[in-house]
C-alpha atoms as a PDB file:
ATOM      1  CA  UNK A   1      -0.007  -0.047   0.061  1.00  0.00           C
ATOM      2  CA  UNK A   2       1.363   3.436  -0.775  1.00  0.00           C
ATOM      3  CA  UNK A   3       1.430   5.418   2.237  1.00  0.00           C
ATOM      4  CA  UNK A   4       3.225   8.364   4.043  1.00  0.00           C
ATOM      5  CA  UNK A   5       5.101   7.373   7.197  1.00  0.00           C
ATOM      6  CA  UNK A   6       5.254   9.454  10.347  1.00  0.00           C
ATOM      7  CA  UNK A   7       8.620  10.401  11.090  1.00  0.00           C
ATOM      8  CA  UNK A   8       9.601  12.182  14.285  1.00  0.00           C
ATOM      9  CA  UNK A   9      13.031  13.948  14.445  1.00  0.00           C
ATOM     10  CA  UNK A  10      14.264  11.779  11.531  1.00  0.00           C
ATOM     11  CA  UNK A  11      12.981   8.362  13.243  1.00  0.00           C
ATOM     12  CA  UNK A  12       9.975   6.523  11.727  1.00  0.00           C
ATOM     13  CA  UNK A  13       7.301   5.738  14.260  1.00  0.00           C
ATOM     14  CA  UNK A  14       7.648   2.062  13.582  1.00  0.00           C
ATOM     15  CA  UNK A  15      11.272   2.279  14.735  1.00  0.00           C
ATOM     16  CA  UNK A  16      10.416   4.409  17.798  1.00  0.00           C
ATOM     17  CA  UNK A  17       7.687   1.756  18.919  1.00  0.00           C
ATOM     18  CA  UNK A  18       9.432  -1.483  17.633  1.00  0.00           C
ATOM     19  CA  UNK A  19       6.188  -2.372  16.003  1.00  0.00           C
ATOM     20  CA  UNK A  20       5.303  -3.054  12.473  1.00  0.00           C
ATOM     21  CA  UNK A  21       2.442  -1.407  10.923  1.00  0.00           C
ATOM     22  CA  UNK A  22       1.142   1.075   8.248  1.00  0.00           C
ATOM     23  CA  UNK A  23      -0.239   4.620   8.945  1.00  0.00           C
ATOM     24  CA  UNK A  24      -3.659   5.803   7.890  1.00  0.00           C
ATOM     25  CA  UNK A  25      -2.066   8.331   5.751  1.00  0.00           C
ATOM     26  CA  UNK A  26      -2.590   6.421   2.471  1.00  0.00           C
ATOM     27  CA  UNK A  27      -4.772   6.607  -0.639  1.00  0.00           C
ATOM     28  CA  UNK A  28      -6.824   3.484   0.716  1.00  0.00           C
ATOM     29  CA  UNK A  29      -7.951   5.607   3.692  1.00  0.00           C
ATOM     30  CA  UNK A  30      -9.032   8.572   1.235  1.00  0.00           C
ATOM     31  CA  UNK A  31     -11.392   6.315  -0.323  1.00  0.00           C
ATOM     32  CA  UNK A  32     -13.859   6.944   2.456  1.00  0.00           C
ATOM     33  CA  UNK A  33     -14.273  10.507   1.292  1.00  0.00           C
ATOM     34  CA  UNK A  34     -12.457  12.267   4.259  1.00  0.00           C
ATOM     35  CA  UNK A  35      -8.975  13.226   4.699  1.00  0.00           C
ATOM     36  CA  UNK A  36      -7.291  11.111   7.582  1.00  0.00           C
ATOM     37  CA  UNK A  37      -5.293  14.431   8.206  1.00  0.00           C
ATOM     38  CA  UNK A  38      -8.423  15.881   9.691  1.00  0.00           C
ATOM     39  CA  UNK A  39      -7.968  13.423  12.543  1.00  0.00           C
ATOM     40  CA  UNK A  40      -4.381  14.652  13.154  1.00  0.00           C
ATOM     41  CA  UNK A  41      -5.716  18.227  13.032  1.00  0.00           C
ATOM     42  CA  UNK A  42      -8.274  17.326  15.724  1.00  0.00           C
ATOM     43  CA  UNK A  43     -11.194  18.026  13.389  1.00  0.00           C
ATOM     44  CA  UNK A  44     -12.628  14.429  12.896  1.00  0.00           C
ATOM     45  CA  UNK A  45     -12.923  11.329  15.002  1.00  0.00           C
ATOM     46  CA  UNK A  46     -11.310   8.137  13.762  1.00  0.00           C
ATOM     47  CA  UNK A  47     -13.225   4.917  14.028  1.00  0.00           C
ATOM     48  CA  UNK A  48     -10.057   2.942  14.936  1.00  0.00           C
ATOM     49  CA  UNK A  49      -8.707   5.125  17.570  1.00  0.00           C
ATOM     50  CA  UNK A  50     -12.016   6.714  19.045  1.00  0.00           C
ATOM     51  CA  UNK A  51     -12.716  10.242  20.402  1.00  0.00           C
ATOM     52  CA  UNK A  52      -9.710  12.286  21.524  1.00  0.00           C
ATOM     53  CA  UNK A  53      -7.140   9.804  20.189  1.00  0.00           C
ATOM     54  CA  UNK A  54      -5.228   9.415  16.731  1.00  0.00           C
ATOM     55  CA  UNK A  55      -4.255   6.098  15.220  1.00  0.00           C
ATOM     56  CA  UNK A  56      -0.470   6.144  14.437  1.00  0.00           C
ATOM     57  CA  UNK A  57      -0.036   2.605  13.202  1.00  0.00           C
ATOM     58  CA  UNK A  58      -2.560  -0.081  12.063  1.00  0.00           C
ATOM     59  CA  UNK A  59      -2.239  -3.548  10.560  1.00  0.00           C
ATOM     60  CA  UNK A  60      -0.685  -3.047   7.164  1.00  0.00           C
ATOM     61  CA  UNK A  61      -2.593  -5.918   5.751  1.00  0.00           C
ATOM     62  CA  UNK A  62      -6.146  -5.292   6.934  1.00  0.00           C
ATOM     63  CA  UNK A  63      -6.409  -2.306   9.361  1.00  0.00           C
ATOM     64  CA  UNK A  64      -8.460  -4.624  11.614  1.00  0.00           C
ATOM     65  CA  UNK A  65      -8.337  -3.330  15.227  1.00  0.00           C
ATOM     66  CA  UNK A  66      -8.047  -6.805  16.503  1.00  0.00           C
ATOM     67  CA  UNK A  67      -4.561  -6.872  14.849  1.00  0.00           C
ATOM     68  CA  UNK A  68      -3.681  -4.041  16.831  1.00  0.00           C
ATOM     69  CA  UNK A  69      -3.716  -0.210  16.582  1.00  0.00           C
ATOM     70  CA  UNK A  70      -1.046   2.125  17.920  1.00  0.00           C
ATOM     71  CA  UNK A  71      -3.063   5.180  19.328  1.00  0.00           C
ATOM     72  CA  UNK A  72      -2.203   8.369  21.097  1.00  0.00           C
ATOM     73  CA  UNK A  73      -4.182  10.976  22.992  1.00  0.00           C
ATOM     74  CA  UNK A  74      -4.452  14.130  20.808  1.00  0.00           C
ATOM     75  CA  UNK A  75      -4.449  17.493  22.183  1.00  0.00           C
ATOM     76  CA  UNK A  76      -4.638  20.492  19.904  1.00  0.00           C
ATOM     77  CA  UNK A  77      -4.209  23.816  21.616  1.00  0.00           C
ATOM     78  CA  UNK A  78      -3.402  27.351  19.979  1.00  0.00           C
ATOM     79  CA  UNK A  79       0.379  27.088  20.077  1.00  0.00           C
ATOM     80  CA  UNK A  80       1.068  23.401  20.582  1.00  0.00           C
ATOM     81  CA  UNK A  81      -0.056  19.780  19.345  1.00  0.00           C
ATOM     82  CA  UNK A  82       0.511  17.077  22.020  1.00  0.00           C
ATOM     83  CA  UNK A  83       0.512  13.236  21.574  1.00  0.00           C
ATOM     84  CA  UNK A  84       0.506  11.404  24.920  1.00  0.00           C
ATOM     85  CA  UNK A  85      -0.840   8.246  26.557  1.00  0.00           C
ATOM     86  CA  UNK A  86       0.582   5.856  23.605  1.00  0.00           C
ATOM     87  CA  UNK A  87      -1.342   2.645  23.799  1.00  0.00           C
ATOM     88  CA  UNK A  88      -1.316  -0.658  21.734  1.00  0.00           C
ATOM     89  CA  UNK A  89      -5.150  -1.321  21.366  1.00  0.00           C
ATOM     90  CA  UNK A  90      -6.838  -4.621  20.174  1.00  0.00           C
ATOM     91  CA  UNK A  91     -10.414  -5.441  20.178  1.00  0.00           C
ATOM     92  CA  UNK A  92     -10.069  -8.357  22.488  1.00  0.00           C
ATOM     93  CA  UNK A  93      -7.486  -7.504  25.179  1.00  0.00           C
ATOM     94  CA  UNK A  94      -6.620  -4.760  27.479  1.00  0.00           C
ATOM     95  CA  UNK A  95      -4.574  -1.945  26.037  1.00  0.00           C
ATOM     96  CA  UNK A  96      -0.942  -2.067  26.263  1.00  0.00           C
ATOM     97  CA  UNK A  97       0.762   1.207  27.479  1.00  0.00           C
ATOM     98  CA  UNK A  98       3.872   1.636  25.591  1.00  0.00           C
ATOM     99  CA  UNK A  99       6.495   2.617  27.978  1.00  0.00           C
ATOM    100  CA  UNK A 100       9.334   2.735  25.474  1.00  0.00           C
ATOM    101  CA  UNK A 101       7.862   6.148  24.123  1.00  0.00           C
ATOM    102  CA  UNK A 102       7.995   9.317  25.968  1.00  0.00           C
ATOM    103  CA  UNK A 103       5.185  10.311  28.112  1.00  0.00           C
ATOM    104  CA  UNK A 104       4.280  12.914  25.747  1.00  0.00           C
ATOM    105  CA  UNK A 105       5.330  14.366  22.316  1.00  0.00           C
ATOM    106  CA  UNK A 106       4.852  18.036  21.624  1.00  0.00           C
ATOM    107  CA  UNK A 107       4.861  19.990  18.469  1.00  0.00           C
ATOM    108  CA  UNK A 108       4.702  23.526  17.563  1.00  0.00           C
ATOM    109  CA  UNK A 109       1.293  24.219  16.226  1.00  0.00           C
ATOM    110  CA  UNK A 110       2.235  26.202  13.355  1.00  0.00           C
ATOM    111  CA  UNK A 111       4.956  23.702  12.322  1.00  0.00           C
ATOM    112  CA  UNK A 112       2.635  20.957  12.739  1.00  0.00           C
ATOM    113  CA  UNK A 113       0.039  22.518  10.544  1.00  0.00           C
ATOM    114  CA  UNK A 114       2.728  23.213   7.880  1.00  0.00           C
ATOM    115  CA  UNK A 115       3.796  19.519   7.894  1.00  0.00           C
ATOM    116  CA  UNK A 116       0.167  18.387   7.704  1.00  0.00           C
ATOM    117  CA  UNK A 117      -0.280  20.816   4.629  1.00  0.00           C
ATOM    118  CA  UNK A 118       2.596  19.247   2.936  1.00  0.00           C
ATOM    119  CA  UNK A 119       1.332  15.803   3.797  1.00  0.00           C
ATOM    120  CA  UNK A 120      -2.111  16.694   2.398  1.00  0.00           C
ATOM    121  CA  UNK A 121      -0.449  17.500  -1.063  1.00  0.00           C
ATOM    122  CA  UNK A 122       1.744  14.260  -0.975  1.00  0.00           C
ATOM    123  CA  UNK A 123      -1.249  12.180   0.072  1.00  0.00           C
ATOM    124  CA  UNK A 124      -3.268  13.596  -2.694  1.00  0.00           C
ATOM    125  CA  UNK A 125      -0.780  12.506  -5.203  1.00  0.00           C
ATOM    126  CA  UNK A 126      -0.420   8.835  -3.860  1.00  0.00           C
ATOM    127  CA  UNK A 127      -2.277   6.128  -5.930  1.00  0.00           C
ATOM    128  CA  UNK A 128      -5.422   4.886  -4.392  1.00  0.00           C
ATOM    129  CA  UNK A 129      -5.018   1.261  -5.271  1.00  0.00           C
ATOM    130  CA  UNK A 130      -3.654  -1.018  -2.610  1.00  0.00           C
ATOM    131  CA  UNK A 131      -0.224  -2.312  -3.313  1.00  0.00           C
ATOM    132  CA  UNK A 132       3.041  -2.779  -1.338  1.00  0.00           C
ATOM    133  CA  UNK A 133       5.532  -0.389  -2.880  1.00  0.00           C
ATOM    134  CA  UNK A 134       8.333   1.589  -1.090  1.00  0.00           C
ATOM    135  CA  UNK A 135       7.063   4.201   1.405  1.00  0.00           C
ATOM    136  CA  UNK A 136       7.335   7.871   1.200  1.00  0.00           C
ATOM    137  CA  UNK A 137       8.533   9.757   4.328  1.00  0.00           C
ATOM    138  CA  UNK A 138       6.575  12.470   6.206  1.00  0.00           C
ATOM    139  CA  UNK A 139       8.228  14.167   8.888  1.00  0.00           C
ATOM    140  CA  UNK A 140       7.479  16.098  12.059  1.00  0.00           C
ATOM    141  CA  UNK A 141      10.109  18.486  13.578  1.00  0.00           C
END
């Protein structure tokens, strides 16, 4: 599947967490008619993550929550965006709190919006068919 990866300070989220997965930033997720970037902006609720949370990684084969979803609590303020309370969630077991991640990741709101704007352009250019090509990188700083 063509997708944009989430990269924080030059490190992909998969490497930070030690977990495999795909992001919701793909042409596949656009087929639903809404941009997954609205979830990252705090303007929409994602079905996988639930209210107030953002899905960072999903099963790259099926996106089934029972395979596991890496989620984070999302807080969007005037000057800052915060991801915290990182959890590996499945539909059948208790959530696993990911202690290997910091308690919170904070991003400057203006920088975050610029990255999301760039991601929106890149995401719109990705093919919508489901295949497994090399990934394109998307980076927060």
